[in-house]
Amino acid sequence: MIRPLRLEPLTREVFAPYGEVIETFGAERRMINEGTTERFHALAHADVSAGGGTAILSIFQASRRRFPVAVRMLEQHPLGSQAFYPLSDDEWLVVVGEGNDTPDPATLRCFRATGRQGVNYARGTWHHPVLVLQPQQCFLVVDREGPGSNLSERFFDPADHRLISP
């Protein structure tokens, strides 16, 4: 029997061990462009320089998986952070876990993010690939390009799969 994974609201405080929450609420604000633009300053910090990497910006178009979803694996990026920010005001899910070389399924957490919240996974943070609740949802993604292997995937034993129902 696959155990359920409880959904939690995404907040800066609870997500801090895994990276940064990207949102304008509480951000430093600066007026720029002759007072016509409000800048929400330094919402997250890209950590991509390890091993000669550089920051790149991409758009990911994610498709909804069939729910309930069984969390069967996690991935990590050992050489750089990876940030996701939704380009629509639709909720989405963020799944993370703890561990060094292998994630511990007992530490899995699932956060419900609003369409005005993104995340910047810290370098080495175990996370599930993006999970959307709409048929399709696009994200602006900032991550690393460069030499070296920056992707590790670990698959769980079926007894350790966890089930997500939004």
Protein backbone atom coordinates (compact mmCIF):
# COMPACT_ATOMS: atom_id res chain seq x y z
CA MET A 1 0.00 0.00 0.00
CA ILE A 2 1.39 3.39 -0.98
CA ARG A 3 1.32 5.90 1.88
CA PRO A 4 -0.14 9.39 1.28
CA LEU A 5 2.02 12.50 1.36
CA ARG A 6 0.43 15.47 3.17
CA LEU A 7 0.31 18.80 1.28
CA GLU A 8 1.67 21.80 3.19
CA PRO A 9 1.47 25.51 2.36
CA LEU A 10 4.74 26.86 0.93
CA THR A 11 6.38 29.46 3.18
CA ARG A 12 9.90 30.87 3.33
CA GLU A 13 10.42 29.50 6.82
CA VAL A 14 9.47 25.87 6.18
CA PHE A 15 11.22 25.74 2.79
CA ALA A 16 14.51 27.31 3.98
CA PRO A 17 16.33 23.95 4.44
CA TYR A 18 15.72 23.20 0.73
CA GLY A 19 16.34 26.61 -0.86
CA GLU A 20 14.51 29.89 -1.33
CA VAL A 21 10.87 30.78 -1.94
CA ILE A 22 10.60 33.33 -4.74
CA GLU A 23 7.77 35.78 -4.12
CA THR A 24 7.23 39.51 -4.04
CA PHE A 25 5.57 39.51 -0.60
CA GLY A 26 8.02 40.99 1.89
CA ALA A 27 10.64 41.72 -0.77
CA GLU A 28 12.84 44.80 -0.91
CA ARG A 29 11.16 47.22 -3.30
CA ARG A 30 12.94 49.79 -5.44
CA MET A 31 11.38 52.29 -7.81
CA ILE A 32 13.31 52.44 -11.11
CA ASN A 33 12.88 53.70 -14.68
CA GLU A 34 11.97 57.25 -13.71
CA GLY A 35 9.44 55.99 -11.17
CA THR A 36 7.41 53.90 -13.63
CA THR A 37 8.56 50.46 -12.50
CA GLU A 38 8.66 48.78 -9.14
CA ARG A 39 11.56 46.34 -8.81
CA PHE A 40 11.26 43.48 -6.31
CA HIS A 41 14.96 43.18 -5.64
CA ALA A 42 17.10 40.02 -5.30
CA LEU A 43 14.31 37.50 -4.75
CA ALA A 44 16.75 34.54 -4.98
CA HIS A 45 20.40 33.87 -5.66
CA ALA A 46 21.52 31.61 -8.52
CA ASP A 47 24.34 29.33 -7.36
CA VAL A 48 25.72 27.98 -10.64
CA SER A 49 29.45 28.76 -10.78
CA ALA A 50 30.73 25.40 -9.43
CA GLY A 51 32.88 23.62 -11.99
CA GLY A 52 32.83 26.52 -14.42
CA GLY A 53 29.05 26.75 -14.87
CA THR A 54 27.07 29.75 -16.04
CA ALA A 55 23.46 30.80 -15.44
CA ILE A 56 20.91 30.18 -18.18
CA LEU A 57 17.22 31.10 -18.42
CA SER A 58 14.75 28.68 -19.99
CA ILE A 59 11.00 28.20 -20.16
CA PHE A 60 9.68 24.77 -19.19
CA GLN A 61 6.17 23.78 -20.29
CA ALA A 62 4.98 21.11 -17.88
CA SER A 63 2.02 18.79 -18.41
CA ARG A 64 -0.24 17.55 -15.67
CA ARG A 65 0.36 13.99 -14.57
CA ARG A 66 -2.49 11.65 -13.74
CA PHE A 67 -3.47 12.10 -10.08
CA PRO A 68 -3.01 10.64 -7.60
CA VAL A 69 0.72 10.71 -8.38
CA ALA A 70 3.07 8.15 -6.84
CA VAL A 71 6.38 9.76 -5.90
CA ARG A 72 8.78 7.12 -7.20
CA MET A 73 11.97 9.15 -7.49
CA LEU A 74 13.79 12.38 -6.73
CA GLU A 75 16.54 14.24 -8.55
CA GLN A 76 19.22 16.71 -7.52
CA HIS A 77 21.65 19.10 -9.19
CA PRO A 78 25.00 18.85 -7.37
CA LEU A 79 26.69 21.69 -9.27
CA GLY A 80 24.04 24.40 -9.15
CA SER A 81 20.77 25.70 -7.84
CA GLN A 82 17.62 25.47 -9.97
CA ALA A 83 14.84 28.07 -9.81
CA PHE A 84 11.24 27.70 -11.04
CA TYR A 85 8.82 30.62 -11.27
CA PRO A 86 5.32 30.09 -12.73
CA LEU A 87 4.26 32.24 -15.66
CA SER A 88 0.57 31.90 -14.77
CA ASP A 89 -1.37 32.42 -11.56
CA ASP A 90 -2.03 28.70 -11.05
CA GLU A 91 -1.13 26.58 -8.04
CA TRP A 92 1.47 23.84 -8.41
CA LEU A 93 3.23 21.31 -6.18
CA VAL A 94 6.80 21.17 -4.84
CA VAL A 95 8.16 17.88 -3.48
CA VAL A 96 11.51 17.74 -1.65
CA GLY A 97 13.42 15.28 0.47
CA GLU A 98 16.60 15.06 2.52
CA GLY A 99 19.68 12.92 2.13
CA ASN A 100 23.25 13.03 0.91
CA ASP A 101 24.00 10.54 -1.87
CA THR A 102 20.50 9.07 -1.72
CA PRO A 103 17.26 10.76 -0.65
CA ASP A 104 15.46 9.32 2.36
CA PRO A 105 11.80 8.62 1.42
CA ALA A 106 10.80 9.13 5.08
CA THR A 107 11.78 12.83 4.76
CA LEU A 108 9.57 13.66 1.77
CA ARG A 109 7.54 16.86 2.00
CA CYS A 110 5.01 18.23 -0.47
CA PHE A 111 4.22 21.96 -0.63
CA ARG A 112 1.33 23.63 -2.42
CA ALA A 113 2.70 26.76 -4.10
CA THR A 114 0.51 29.58 -5.32
CA GLY A 115 0.85 30.90 -8.85
CA ARG A 116 2.74 33.83 -7.35
CA GLN A 117 5.38 31.70 -5.66
CA GLY A 118 8.44 30.12 -7.16
CA VAL A 119 11.25 28.11 -5.62
CA ASN A 120 15.01 28.12 -5.97
CA TYR A 121 16.22 24.64 -5.03
CA ALA A 122 19.60 24.92 -3.30
CA ARG A 123 22.48 23.08 -4.90
CA GLY A 124 22.20 19.38 -4.03
CA THR A 125 18.58 19.52 -2.81
CA TRP A 126 16.62 16.38 -3.65
CA HIS A 127 13.35 17.28 -5.42
CA HIS A 128 10.73 15.78 -7.66
CA PRO A 129 10.37 17.05 -11.24
CA VAL A 130 7.80 19.84 -11.54
CA LEU A 131 4.20 18.88 -10.73
CA VAL A 132 1.40 21.01 -12.15
CA LEU A 133 -2.32 20.94 -11.43
CA GLN A 134 -3.49 22.46 -14.74
CA PRO A 135 -3.36 20.60 -18.07
CA GLN A 136 -0.22 22.64 -18.90
CA GLN A 137 1.75 25.30 -17.07
CA CYS A 138 4.87 27.24 -18.05
CA PHE A 139 7.75 28.23 -15.77
CA LEU A 140 10.70 30.54 -16.12
CA VAL A 141 13.68 28.42 -15.03
CA VAL A 142 17.13 29.64 -14.01
CA ASP A 143 19.73 26.92 -13.76
CA ARG A 144 23.27 25.90 -14.67
CA GLU A 145 24.90 25.11 -17.97
CA GLY A 146 28.49 23.99 -18.20
CA PRO A 147 30.92 21.11 -17.84
CA GLY A 148 30.36 18.26 -15.41
CA SER A 149 27.39 16.10 -14.52
CA ASN A 150 24.71 18.23 -12.86
CA LEU A 151 21.90 15.68 -12.58
CA SER A 152 21.51 12.73 -10.20
CA GLU A 153 18.31 10.68 -10.12
CA ARG A 154 17.41 8.12 -7.47
CA PHE A 155 14.44 5.76 -7.74
CA PHE A 156 12.74 4.39 -4.62
CA ASP A 157 11.86 0.84 -3.77
CA PRO A 158 8.09 0.39 -4.44
CA ALA A 159 7.49 0.01 -0.69
CA ASP A 160 8.76 3.59 -0.25
CA HIS A 161 6.56 5.25 -2.89
CA ARG A 162 4.36 8.05 -1.54
CA LEU A 163 1.02 9.15 -3.01
CA ILE A 164 -0.01 12.75 -3.72
CA SER A 165 -3.65 13.78 -4.16
CA PRO A 166 -4.15 17.53 -4.60
